[in-house]
Amino acid sequence: MKKLYYSIGEVSELTAVEPHVLRYWETIFKELSPRKNKAGNRIYREQDITFALKLKELIQDKKYSTAGAKKFLEKEQIDSGSPGDDAMDLSFETQKDLKEIRAFLVKLQEKL
């Protein structure tokens, strides 16, 4: 069942990004702005997780600097009509499903 809100620990586990990195990214990227509950804990929505995955792709996988990622995202907003990286446009749930399928296929390949 899909949840409405996720804790920073859950988001860290789902995205494989440390909580302190997520908090740091919040200070740089206004698009990553989880709400806080009455206790002051961050509560992430699916769109926050999708954006965190996009940042992970740019910063950790493609080795952009945070400034470079910010410029890339600004350019992407300007060029929103042009075709982009389709993998980055997938929802969080779809990305999660694809990762599970990939893990299954890797295990299957190892058995062959």
PDB file of N, CA and C in Angstrom:
ATOM      1  N   MET A   1       0.843  -1.193   0.000  1.00  0.00           N
ATOM      2  CA  MET A   1       0.000   0.000   0.000  1.00  0.00           C
ATOM      3  C   MET A   1       0.879   1.245   0.000  1.00  0.00           C
ATOM      4  N   LYS A   2       0.508   2.175  -0.800  1.00  0.00           N
ATOM      5  CA  LYS A   2       1.262   3.413  -0.940  1.00  0.00           C
ATOM      6  C   LYS A   2       0.969   4.324   0.249  1.00  0.00           C
ATOM      7  N   LYS A   3       2.038   4.919   0.812  1.00  0.00           N
ATOM      8  CA  LYS A   3       1.880   5.820   1.943  1.00  0.00           C
ATOM      9  C   LYS A   3       1.779   7.263   1.451  1.00  0.00           C
ATOM     10  N   LEU A   4       1.155   8.098   2.264  1.00  0.00           N
ATOM     11  CA  LEU A   4       1.074   9.515   1.936  1.00  0.00           C
ATOM     12  C   LEU A   4       2.348  10.248   2.358  1.00  0.00           C
ATOM     13  N   TYR A   5       2.906   9.845   3.492  1.00  0.00           N
ATOM     14  CA  TYR A   5       4.079  10.529   4.033  1.00  0.00           C
ATOM     15  C   TYR A   5       5.127   9.524   4.477  1.00  0.00           C
ATOM     16  N   TYR A   6       6.390   9.921   4.328  1.00  0.00           N
ATOM     17  CA  TYR A   6       7.512   9.078   4.702  1.00  0.00           C
ATOM     18  C   TYR A   6       8.436   9.869   5.626  1.00  0.00           C
ATOM     19  N   SER A   7       9.062   9.194   6.578  1.00  0.00           N
ATOM     20  CA  SER A   7      10.029   9.843   7.464  1.00  0.00           C
ATOM     21  C   SER A   7      11.360   9.983   6.726  1.00  0.00           C
ATOM     22  N   ILE A   8      12.255  10.781   7.279  1.00  0.00           N
ATOM     23  CA  ILE A   8      13.556  10.968   6.642  1.00  0.00           C
ATOM     24  C   ILE A   8      14.336   9.653   6.625  1.00  0.00           C
ATOM     25  N   GLY A   9      14.153   8.825   7.642  1.00  0.00           N
ATOM     26  CA  GLY A   9      14.814   7.522   7.676  1.00  0.00           C
ATOM     27  C   GLY A   9      14.330   6.615   6.555  1.00  0.00           C
ATOM     28  N   GLU A  10      13.018   6.617   6.330  1.00  0.00           N
ATOM     29  CA  GLU A  10      12.455   5.812   5.243  1.00  0.00           C
ATOM     30  C   GLU A  10      12.941   6.311   3.885  1.00  0.00           C
ATOM     31  N   VAL A  11      12.972   7.629   3.725  1.00  0.00           N
ATOM     32  CA  VAL A  11      13.428   8.206   2.457  1.00  0.00           C
ATOM     33  C   VAL A  11      14.900   7.883   2.244  1.00  0.00           C
ATOM     34  N   SER A  12      15.680   7.955   3.309  1.00  0.00           N
ATOM     35  CA  SER A  12      17.098   7.625   3.221  1.00  0.00           C
ATOM     36  C   SER A  12      17.277   6.177   2.777  1.00  0.00           C
ATOM     37  N   GLU A  13      16.493   5.283   3.328  1.00  0.00           N
ATOM     38  CA  GLU A  13      16.582   3.871   2.963  1.00  0.00           C
ATOM     39  C   GLU A  13      16.121   3.632   1.525  1.00  0.00           C
ATOM     40  N   LEU A  14      15.035   4.286   1.130  1.00  0.00           N
ATOM     41  CA  LEU A  14      14.487   4.096  -0.217  1.00  0.00           C
ATOM     42  C   LEU A  14      15.395   4.657  -1.307  1.00  0.00           C
ATOM     43  N   THR A  15      16.052   5.773  -1.002  1.00  0.00           N
ATOM     44  CA  THR A  15      16.871   6.435  -2.016  1.00  0.00           C
ATOM     45  C   THR A  15      18.359   6.111  -1.907  1.00  0.00           C
ATOM     46  N   ALA A  16      18.759   5.482  -0.811  1.00  0.00           N
ATOM     47  CA  ALA A  16      20.175   5.209  -0.531  1.00  0.00           C
ATOM     48  C   ALA A  16      20.980   6.510  -0.445  1.00  0.00           C
ATOM     49  N   VAL A  17      20.364   7.523   0.153  1.00  0.00           N
ATOM     50  CA  VAL A  17      21.007   8.811   0.398  1.00  0.00           C
ATOM     51  C   VAL A  17      20.943   9.058   1.904  1.00  0.00           C
ATOM     52  N   GLU A  18      22.073   9.386   2.496  1.00  0.00           N
ATOM     53  CA  GLU A  18      22.133   9.608   3.940  1.00  0.00           C
ATOM     54  C   GLU A  18      21.220  10.770   4.368  1.00  0.00           C
ATOM     55  N   PRO A  19      20.623  10.694   5.569  1.00  0.00           N
ATOM     56  CA  PRO A  19      19.743  11.774   6.040  1.00  0.00           C
ATOM     57  C   PRO A  19      20.407  13.147   6.055  1.00  0.00           C
ATOM     58  N   HIS A  20      21.689  13.210   6.455  1.00  0.00           N
ATOM     59  CA  HIS A  20      22.354  14.517   6.500  1.00  0.00           C
ATOM     60  C   HIS A  20      22.497  15.117   5.104  1.00  0.00           C
ATOM     61  N   VAL A  21      22.622  14.267   4.092  1.00  0.00           N
ATOM     62  CA  VAL A  21      22.712  14.747   2.707  1.00  0.00           C
ATOM     63  C   VAL A  21      21.355  15.286   2.267  1.00  0.00           C
ATOM     64  N   LEU A  22      20.287  14.574   2.619  1.00  0.00           N
ATOM     65  CA  LEU A  22      18.939  15.058   2.300  1.00  0.00           C
ATOM     66  C   LEU A  22      18.688  16.426   2.941  1.00  0.00           C
ATOM     67  N   ARG A  23      19.088  16.570   4.201  1.00  0.00           N
ATOM     68  CA  ARG A  23      18.896  17.863   4.883  1.00  0.00           C
ATOM     69  C   ARG A  23      19.723  18.953   4.203  1.00  0.00           C
ATOM     70  N   TYR A  24      20.941  18.618   3.783  1.00  0.00           N
ATOM     71  CA  TYR A  24      21.788  19.583   3.082  1.00  0.00           C
ATOM     72  C   TYR A  24      21.153  19.999   1.762  1.00  0.00           C
ATOM     73  N   TRP A  25      20.652  19.029   1.005  1.00  0.00           N
ATOM     74  CA  TRP A  25      20.012  19.347  -0.267  1.00  0.00           C
ATOM     75  C   TRP A  25      18.815  20.261  -0.079  1.00  0.00           C
ATOM     76  N   GLU A  26      18.113  20.123   1.041  1.00  0.00           N
ATOM     77  CA  GLU A  26      16.971  21.012   1.320  1.00  0.00           C
ATOM     78  C   GLU A  26      17.405  22.475   1.384  1.00  0.00           C
ATOM     79  N   THR A  27      18.615  22.712   1.863  1.00  0.00           N
ATOM     80  CA  THR A  27      19.089  24.095   1.985  1.00  0.00           C
ATOM     81  C   THR A  27      19.452  24.695   0.636  1.00  0.00           C
ATOM     82  N   ILE A  28      19.720  23.856  -0.355  1.00  0.00           N
ATOM     83  CA  ILE A  28      20.158  24.330  -1.663  1.00  0.00           C
ATOM     84  C   ILE A  28      19.031  24.337  -2.690  1.00  0.00           C
ATOM     85  N   PHE A  29      18.208  23.319  -2.672  1.00  0.00           N
ATOM     86  CA  PHE A  29      17.161  23.149  -3.680  1.00  0.00           C
ATOM     87  C   PHE A  29      15.783  23.409  -3.069  1.00  0.00           C
ATOM     88  N   LYS A  30      15.153  24.503  -3.491  1.00  0.00           N
ATOM     89  CA  LYS A  30      13.844  24.867  -2.931  1.00  0.00           C
ATOM     90  C   LYS A  30      12.766  23.847  -3.290  1.00  0.00           C
ATOM     91  N   GLU A  31      12.992  23.073  -4.350  1.00  0.00           N
ATOM     92  CA  GLU A  31      12.020  22.060  -4.766  1.00  0.00           C
ATOM     93  C   GLU A  31      11.943  20.895  -3.774  1.00  0.00           C
ATOM     94  N   LEU A  32      12.997  20.706  -3.002  1.00  0.00           N
ATOM     95  CA  LEU A  32      13.007  19.667  -1.976  1.00  0.00           C
ATOM     96  C   LEU A  32      12.682  20.329  -0.651  1.00  0.00           C
ATOM     97  N   SER A  33      11.417  20.326  -0.308  1.00  0.00           N
ATOM     98  CA  SER A  33      10.994  21.013   0.920  1.00  0.00           C
ATOM     99  C   SER A  33       9.919  20.201   1.639  1.00  0.00           C
ATOM    100  N   PRO A  34      10.347  19.150   2.343  1.00  0.00           N
ATOM    101  CA  PRO A  34       9.370  18.359   3.075  1.00  0.00           C
ATOM    102  C   PRO A  34       8.737  19.182   4.196  1.00  0.00           C
ATOM    103  N   ARG A  35       7.493  18.905   4.455  1.00  0.00           N
ATOM    104  CA  ARG A  35       6.816  19.575   5.569  1.00  0.00           C
ATOM    105  C   ARG A  35       7.310  18.978   6.869  1.00  0.00           C
ATOM    106  N   LYS A  36       6.946  19.625   7.955  1.00  0.00           N
ATOM    107  CA  LYS A  36       7.279  19.084   9.274  1.00  0.00           C
ATOM    108  C   LYS A  36       5.980  18.850  10.034  1.00  0.00           C
ATOM    109  N   ASN A  37       5.953  17.751  10.792  1.00  0.00           N
ATOM    110  CA  ASN A  37       4.764  17.467  11.589  1.00  0.00           C
ATOM    111  C   ASN A  37       4.807  18.259  12.894  1.00  0.00           C
ATOM    112  N   LYS A  38       3.848  18.050  13.759  1.00  0.00           N
ATOM    113  CA  LYS A  38       3.778  18.815  15.007  1.00  0.00           C
ATOM    114  C   LYS A  38       4.990  18.600  15.892  1.00  0.00           C
ATOM    115  N   ALA A  39       5.617  17.433  15.768  1.00  0.00           N
ATOM    116  CA  ALA A  39       6.811  17.134  16.557  1.00  0.00           C
ATOM    117  C   ALA A  39       8.078  17.725  15.933  1.00  0.00           C
ATOM    118  N   GLY A  40       7.943  18.309  14.752  1.00  0.00           N
ATOM    119  CA  GLY A  40       9.087  18.909  14.077  1.00  0.00           C
ATOM    120  C   GLY A  40       9.845  17.953  13.176  1.00  0.00           C
ATOM    121  N   ASN A  41       9.320  16.738  12.989  1.00  0.00           N
ATOM    122  CA  ASN A  41       9.965  15.752  12.117  1.00  0.00           C
ATOM    123  C   ASN A  41       9.578  16.005  10.666  1.00  0.00           C
ATOM    124  N   ARG A  42      10.522  15.806   9.772  1.00  0.00           N
ATOM    125  CA  ARG A  42      10.250  15.973   8.348  1.00  0.00           C
ATOM    126  C   ARG A  42       9.326  14.861   7.869  1.00  0.00           C
ATOM    127  N   ILE A  43       8.362  15.250   7.047  1.00  0.00           N
ATOM    128  CA  ILE A  43       7.482  14.265   6.418  1.00  0.00           C
ATOM    129  C   ILE A  43       7.532  14.497   4.915  1.00  0.00           C
ATOM    130  N   TYR A  44       8.047  13.505   4.215  1.00  0.00           N
ATOM    131  CA  TYR A  44       8.254  13.588   2.772  1.00  0.00           C
ATOM    132  C   TYR A  44       7.054  13.015   2.032  1.00  0.00           C
ATOM    133  N   ARG A  45       6.674  13.691   0.961  1.00  0.00           N
ATOM    134  CA  ARG A  45       5.629  13.183   0.070  1.00  0.00           C
ATOM    135  C   ARG A  45       6.314  12.470  -1.096  1.00  0.00           C
ATOM    136  N   GLU A  46       5.526  11.792  -1.899  1.00  0.00           N
ATOM    137  CA  GLU A  46       6.080  11.049  -3.031  1.00  0.00           C
ATOM    138  C   GLU A  46       6.847  11.979  -3.974  1.00  0.00           C
ATOM    139  N   GLN A  47       6.341  13.182  -4.194  1.00  0.00           N
ATOM    140  CA  GLN A  47       7.033  14.117  -5.092  1.00  0.00           C
ATOM    141  C   GLN A  47       8.380  14.553  -4.514  1.00  0.00           C
ATOM    142  N   ASP A  48       8.499  14.619  -3.199  1.00  0.00           N
ATOM    143  CA  ASP A  48       9.791  14.939  -2.575  1.00  0.00           C
ATOM    144  C   ASP A  48      10.784  13.807  -2.825  1.00  0.00           C
ATOM    145  N   ILE A  49      10.295  12.570  -2.722  1.00  0.00           N
ATOM    146  CA  ILE A  49      11.159  11.414  -2.933  1.00  0.00           C
ATOM    147  C   ILE A  49      11.599  11.345  -4.388  1.00  0.00           C
ATOM    148  N   THR A  50      10.680  11.608  -5.295  1.00  0.00           N
ATOM    149  CA  THR A  50      11.024  11.608  -6.722  1.00  0.00           C
ATOM    150  C   THR A  50      12.095  12.652  -7.005  1.00  0.00           C
ATOM    151  N   PHE A  51      11.963  13.840  -6.399  1.00  0.00           N
ATOM    152  CA  PHE A  51      12.960  14.887  -6.610  1.00  0.00           C
ATOM    153  C   PHE A  51      14.300  14.490  -5.984  1.00  0.00           C
ATOM    154  N   ALA A  52      14.264  13.861  -4.813  1.00  0.00           N
ATOM    155  CA  ALA A  52      15.505  13.408  -4.171  1.00  0.00           C
ATOM    156  C   ALA A  52      16.209  12.377  -5.056  1.00  0.00           C
ATOM    157  N   LEU A  53      15.438  11.504  -5.685  1.00  0.00           N
ATOM    158  CA  LEU A  53      16.026  10.526  -6.607  1.00  0.00           C
ATOM    159  C   LEU A  53      16.643  11.213  -7.825  1.00  0.00           C
ATOM    160  N   LYS A  54      16.006  12.269  -8.290  1.00  0.00           N
ATOM    161  CA  LYS A  54      16.552  13.033  -9.412  1.00  0.00           C
ATOM    162  C   LYS A  54      17.878  13.685  -9.000  1.00  0.00           C
ATOM    163  N   LEU A  55      17.909  14.246  -7.789  1.00  0.00           N
ATOM    164  CA  LEU A  55      19.151  14.846  -7.296  1.00  0.00           C
ATOM    165  C   LEU A  55      20.242  13.792  -7.140  1.00  0.00           C
ATOM    166  N   LYS A  56      19.877  12.633  -6.630  1.00  0.00           N
ATOM    167  CA  LYS A  56      20.859  11.560  -6.474  1.00  0.00           C
ATOM    168  C   LYS A  56      21.442  11.179  -7.831  1.00  0.00           C
ATOM    169  N   GLU A  57      20.572  11.067  -8.818  1.00  0.00           N
ATOM    170  CA  GLU A  57      21.020  10.730 -10.177  1.00  0.00           C
ATOM    171  C   GLU A  57      22.031  11.765 -10.677  1.00  0.00           C
ATOM    172  N   LEU A  58      21.709  13.029 -10.504  1.00  0.00           N
ATOM    173  CA  LEU A  58      22.581  14.090 -11.003  1.00  0.00           C
ATOM    174  C   LEU A  58      23.871  14.207 -10.196  1.00  0.00           C
ATOM    175  N   ILE A  59      23.747  14.255  -8.873  1.00  0.00           N
ATOM    176  CA  ILE A  59      24.898  14.576  -8.023  1.00  0.00           C
ATOM    177  C   ILE A  59      25.775  13.355  -7.752  1.00  0.00           C
ATOM    178  N   GLN A  60      25.160  12.255  -7.375  1.00  0.00           N
ATOM    179  CA  GLN A  60      25.971  11.101  -6.996  1.00  0.00           C
ATOM    180  C   GLN A  60      26.303  10.186  -8.171  1.00  0.00           C
ATOM    181  N   ASP A  61      25.366  10.002  -9.085  1.00  0.00           N
ATOM    182  CA  ASP A  61      25.615   9.078 -10.192  1.00  0.00           C
ATOM    183  C   ASP A  61      26.309   9.755 -11.374  1.00  0.00           C
ATOM    184  N   LYS A  62      25.813  10.929 -11.774  1.00  0.00           N
ATOM    185  CA  LYS A  62      26.397  11.622 -12.929  1.00  0.00           C
ATOM    186  C   LYS A  62      27.499  12.598 -12.542  1.00  0.00           C
ATOM    187  N   LYS A  63      27.743  12.731 -11.239  1.00  0.00           N
ATOM    188  CA  LYS A  63      28.856  13.539 -10.689  1.00  0.00           C
ATOM    189  C   LYS A  63      28.747  15.036 -10.958  1.00  0.00           C
ATOM    190  N   TYR A  64      27.519  15.551 -11.014  1.00  0.00           N
ATOM    191  CA  TYR A  64      27.338  16.998 -11.092  1.00  0.00           C
ATOM    192  C   TYR A  64      27.647  17.586  -9.717  1.00  0.00           C
ATOM    193  N   SER A  65      28.150  18.817  -9.687  1.00  0.00           N
ATOM    194  CA  SER A  65      28.242  19.540  -8.419  1.00  0.00           C
ATOM    195  C   SER A  65      26.830  20.002  -8.071  1.00  0.00           C
ATOM    196  N   THR A  66      26.620  20.458  -6.848  1.00  0.00           N
ATOM    197  CA  THR A  66      25.280  20.948  -6.499  1.00  0.00           C
ATOM    198  C   THR A  66      24.933  22.161  -7.358  1.00  0.00           C
ATOM    199  N   ALA A  67      25.922  23.011  -7.627  1.00  0.00           N
ATOM    200  CA  ALA A  67      25.677  24.173  -8.485  1.00  0.00           C
ATOM    201  C   ALA A  67      25.350  23.722  -9.911  1.00  0.00           C
ATOM    202  N   GLY A  68      26.063  22.719 -10.393  1.00  0.00           N
ATOM    203  CA  GLY A  68      25.808  22.191 -11.726  1.00  0.00           C
ATOM    204  C   GLY A  68      24.435  21.542 -11.820  1.00  0.00           C
ATOM    205  N   ALA A  69      24.043  20.821 -10.771  1.00  0.00           N
ATOM    206  CA  ALA A  69      22.718  20.195 -10.740  1.00  0.00           C
ATOM    207  C   ALA A  69      21.633  21.263 -10.733  1.00  0.00           C
ATOM    208  N   LYS A  70      21.879  22.329  -9.997  1.00  0.00           N
ATOM    209  CA  LYS A  70      20.902  23.418  -9.933  1.00  0.00           C
ATOM    210  C   LYS A  70      20.730  24.060 -11.314  1.00  0.00           C
ATOM    211  N   LYS A  71      21.844  24.296 -12.007  1.00  0.00           N
ATOM    212  CA  LYS A  71      21.781  24.861 -13.360  1.00  0.00           C
ATOM    213  C   LYS A  71      21.068  23.907 -14.316  1.00  0.00           C
ATOM    214  N   PHE A  72      21.374  22.616 -14.200  1.00  0.00           N
ATOM    215  CA  PHE A  72      20.734  21.615 -15.046  1.00  0.00           C
ATOM    216  C   PHE A  72      19.219  21.630 -14.838  1.00  0.00           C
ATOM    217  N   LEU A  73      18.799  21.676 -13.574  1.00  0.00           N
ATOM    218  CA  LEU A  73      17.363  21.670 -13.269  1.00  0.00           C
ATOM    219  C   LEU A  73      16.683  22.946 -13.748  1.00  0.00           C
ATOM    220  N   GLU A  74      17.382  24.078 -13.628  1.00  0.00           N
ATOM    221  CA  GLU A  74      16.817  25.342 -14.127  1.00  0.00           C
ATOM    222  C   GLU A  74      16.663  25.280 -15.643  1.00  0.00           C
ATOM    223  N   LYS A  75      17.665  24.751 -16.319  1.00  0.00           N
ATOM    224  CA  LYS A  75      17.602  24.619 -17.781  1.00  0.00           C
ATOM    225  C   LYS A  75      16.491  23.648 -18.173  1.00  0.00           C
ATOM    226  N   GLU A  76      16.346  22.579 -17.402  1.00  0.00           N
ATOM    227  CA  GLU A  76      15.297  21.597 -17.668  1.00  0.00           C
ATOM    228  C   GLU A  76      13.912  22.236 -17.562  1.00  0.00           C
ATOM    229  N   GLN A  77      13.736  23.143 -16.598  1.00  0.00           N
ATOM    230  CA  GLN A  77      12.452  23.836 -16.459  1.00  0.00           C
ATOM    231  C   GLN A  77      12.193  24.730 -17.662  1.00  0.00           C
ATOM    232  N   ILE A  78      13.224  25.396 -18.140  1.00  0.00           N
ATOM    233  CA  ILE A  78      13.083  26.281 -19.299  1.00  0.00           C
ATOM    234  C   ILE A  78      12.768  25.459 -20.546  1.00  0.00           C
ATOM    235  N   ASP A  79      13.459  24.326 -20.694  1.00  0.00           N
ATOM    236  CA  ASP A  79      13.287  23.464 -21.860  1.00  0.00           C
ATOM    237  C   ASP A  79      12.247  22.379 -21.609  1.00  0.00           C
ATOM    238  N   SER A  80      11.277  22.633 -20.785  1.00  0.00           N
ATOM    239  CA  SER A  80      10.332  21.584 -20.371  1.00  0.00           C
ATOM    240  C   SER A  80       9.614  20.938 -21.534  1.00  0.00           C
ATOM    241  N   GLY A  81       9.537  21.605 -22.672  1.00  0.00           N
ATOM    242  CA  GLY A  81       8.894  21.015 -23.832  1.00  0.00           C
ATOM    243  C   GLY A  81       9.788  20.059 -24.589  1.00  0.00           C
ATOM    244  N   SER A  82      11.093  20.112 -24.337  1.00  0.00           N
ATOM    245  CA  SER A  82      12.008  19.246 -25.076  1.00  0.00           C
ATOM    246  C   SER A  82      12.146  17.894 -24.388  1.00  0.00           C
ATOM    247  N   PRO A  83      12.457  16.869 -25.156  1.00  0.00           N
ATOM    248  CA  PRO A  83      12.609  15.545 -24.556  1.00  0.00           C
ATOM    249  C   PRO A  83      13.811  15.528 -23.627  1.00  0.00           C
ATOM    250  N   GLY A  84      13.625  14.938 -22.447  1.00  0.00           N
ATOM    251  CA  GLY A  84      14.699  14.863 -21.473  1.00  0.00           C
ATOM    252  C   GLY A  84      15.047  13.433 -21.175  1.00  0.00           C
ATOM    253  N   ASP A  85      15.668  13.217 -20.063  1.00  0.00           N
ATOM    254  CA  ASP A  85      16.014  11.880 -19.616  1.00  0.00           C
ATOM    255  C   ASP A  85      14.764  11.241 -19.044  1.00  0.00           C
ATOM    256  N   ASP A  86      14.188  10.303 -19.779  1.00  0.00           N
ATOM    257  CA  ASP A  86      12.926   9.692 -19.377  1.00  0.00           C
ATOM    258  C   ASP A  86      13.016   9.006 -18.023  1.00  0.00           C
ATOM    259  N   ALA A  87      14.159   8.445 -17.684  1.00  0.00           N
ATOM    260  CA  ALA A  87      14.295   7.754 -16.405  1.00  0.00           C
ATOM    261  C   ALA A  87      14.094   8.707 -15.242  1.00  0.00           C
ATOM    262  N   MET A  88      14.453   9.969 -15.439  1.00  0.00           N
ATOM    263  CA  MET A  88      14.311  10.933 -14.361  1.00  0.00           C
ATOM    264  C   MET A  88      12.866  11.397 -14.210  1.00  0.00           C
ATOM    265  N   ASP A  89      12.032  11.176 -15.215  1.00  0.00           N
ATOM    266  CA  ASP A  89      10.650  11.616 -15.173  1.00  0.00           C
ATOM    267  C   ASP A  89       9.719  10.557 -14.589  1.00  0.00           C
ATOM    268  N   LEU A  90      10.234   9.386 -14.272  1.00  0.00           N
ATOM    269  CA  LEU A  90       9.408   8.322 -13.725  1.00  0.00           C
ATOM    270  C   LEU A  90       9.033   8.622 -12.287  1.00  0.00           C
ATOM    271  N   SER A  91       7.858   8.186 -11.877  1.00  0.00           N
ATOM    272  CA  SER A  91       7.425   8.397 -10.500  1.00  0.00           C
ATOM    273  C   SER A  91       8.263   7.533  -9.565  1.00  0.00           C
ATOM    274  N   PHE A  92       8.197   7.861  -8.305  1.00  0.00           N
ATOM    275  CA  PHE A  92       8.928   7.119  -7.287  1.00  0.00           C
ATOM    276  C   PHE A  92       8.521   5.652  -7.286  1.00  0.00           C
ATOM    277  N   GLU A  93       7.222   5.394  -7.339  1.00  0.00           N
ATOM    278  CA  GLU A  93       6.729   4.015  -7.319  1.00  0.00           C
ATOM    279  C   GLU A  93       7.244   3.231  -8.525  1.00  0.00           C
ATOM    280  N   THR A  94       7.251   3.844  -9.684  1.00  0.00           N
ATOM    281  CA  THR A  94       7.731   3.177 -10.887  1.00  0.00           C
ATOM    282  C   THR A  94       9.218   2.879 -10.771  1.00  0.00           C
ATOM    283  N   GLN A  95       9.984   3.834 -10.269  1.00  0.00           N
ATOM    284  CA  GLN A  95      11.423   3.622 -10.098  1.00  0.00           C
ATOM    285  C   GLN A  95      11.680   2.492  -9.104  1.00  0.00           C
ATOM    286  N   LYS A  96      10.895   2.461  -8.042  1.00  0.00           N
ATOM    287  CA  LYS A  96      11.033   1.407  -7.031  1.00  0.00           C
ATOM    288  C   LYS A  96      10.736   0.045  -7.650  1.00  0.00           C
ATOM    289  N   ASP A  97       9.651  -0.039  -8.430  1.00  0.00           N
ATOM    290  CA  ASP A  97       9.291  -1.296  -9.097  1.00  0.00           C
ATOM    291  C   ASP A  97      10.391  -1.747 -10.052  1.00  0.00           C
ATOM    292  N   LEU A  98      10.944  -0.806 -10.807  1.00  0.00           N
ATOM    293  CA  LEU A  98      12.005  -1.149 -11.754  1.00  0.00           C
ATOM    294  C   LEU A  98      13.256  -1.655 -11.038  1.00  0.00           C
ATOM    295  N   LYS A  99      13.578  -1.081  -9.881  1.00  0.00           N
ATOM    296  CA  LYS A  99      14.733  -1.546  -9.115  1.00  0.00           C
ATOM    297  C   LYS A  99      14.513  -2.975  -8.631  1.00  0.00           C
ATOM    298  N   GLU A 100      13.277  -3.276  -8.193  1.00  0.00           N
ATOM    299  CA  GLU A 100      12.967  -4.630  -7.742  1.00  0.00           C
ATOM    300  C   GLU A 100      13.065  -5.621  -8.897  1.00  0.00           C
ATOM    301  N   ILE A 101      12.580  -5.235 -10.058  1.00  0.00           N
ATOM    302  CA  ILE A 101      12.656  -6.106 -11.239  1.00  0.00           C
ATOM    303  C   ILE A 101      14.113  -6.332 -11.621  1.00  0.00           C
ATOM    304  N   ARG A 102      14.903  -5.268 -11.581  1.00  0.00           N
ATOM    305  CA  ARG A 102      16.324  -5.393 -11.914  1.00  0.00           C
ATOM    306  C   ARG A 102      17.024  -6.346 -10.951  1.00  0.00           C
ATOM    307  N   ALA A 103      16.743  -6.219  -9.651  1.00  0.00           N
ATOM    308  CA  ALA A 103      17.354  -7.106  -8.655  1.00  0.00           C
ATOM    309  C   ALA A 103      16.967  -8.558  -8.920  1.00  0.00           C
ATOM    310  N   PHE A 104      15.708  -8.772  -9.267  1.00  0.00           N
ATOM    311  CA  PHE A 104      15.238 -10.122  -9.594  1.00  0.00           C
ATOM    312  C   PHE A 104      15.983 -10.673 -10.809  1.00  0.00           C
ATOM    313  N   LEU A 105      16.119  -9.849 -11.848  1.00  0.00           N
ATOM    314  CA  LEU A 105      16.793 -10.294 -13.063  1.00  0.00           C
ATOM    315  C   LEU A 105      18.277 -10.579 -12.832  1.00  0.00           C
ATOM    316  N   VAL A 106      18.913  -9.783 -11.993  1.00  0.00           N
ATOM    317  CA  VAL A 106      20.322 -10.018 -11.677  1.00  0.00           C
ATOM    318  C   VAL A 106      20.476 -11.356 -10.959  1.00  0.00           C
ATOM    319  N   LYS A 107      19.586 -11.633 -10.002  1.00  0.00           N
ATOM    320  CA  LYS A 107      19.646 -12.913  -9.297  1.00  0.00           C
ATOM    321  C   LYS A 107      19.378 -14.071 -10.250  1.00  0.00           C
ATOM    322  N   LEU A 108      18.445 -13.883 -11.152  1.00  0.00           N
ATOM    323  CA  LEU A 108      18.124 -14.910 -12.138  1.00  0.00           C
ATOM    324  C   LEU A 108      19.312 -15.174 -13.051  1.00  0.00           C
ATOM    325  N   GLN A 109      19.987 -14.106 -13.467  1.00  0.00           N
ATOM    326  CA  GLN A 109      21.153 -14.235 -14.350  1.00  0.00           C
ATOM    327  C   GLN A 109      22.286 -14.979 -13.629  1.00  0.00           C
ATOM    328  N   GLU A 110      22.432 -14.728 -12.338  1.00  0.00           N
ATOM    329  CA  GLU A 110      23.488 -15.401 -11.575  1.00  0.00           C
ATOM    330  C   GLU A 110      23.247 -16.907 -11.506  1.00  0.00           C
ATOM    331  N   LYS A 111      21.987 -17.313 -11.520  1.00  0.00           N
ATOM    332  CA  LYS A 111      21.637 -18.733 -11.453  1.00  0.00           C
ATOM    333  C   LYS A 111      21.896 -19.459 -12.765  1.00  0.00           C
ATOM    334  N   LEU A 112      21.978 -18.715 -13.857  1.00  0.00           N
ATOM    335  CA  LEU A 112      22.168 -19.352 -15.182  1.00  0.00           C
ATOM    336  C   LEU A 112      23.602 -19.793 -15.403  1.00  0.00           C
TER     337      LEU A 112
END
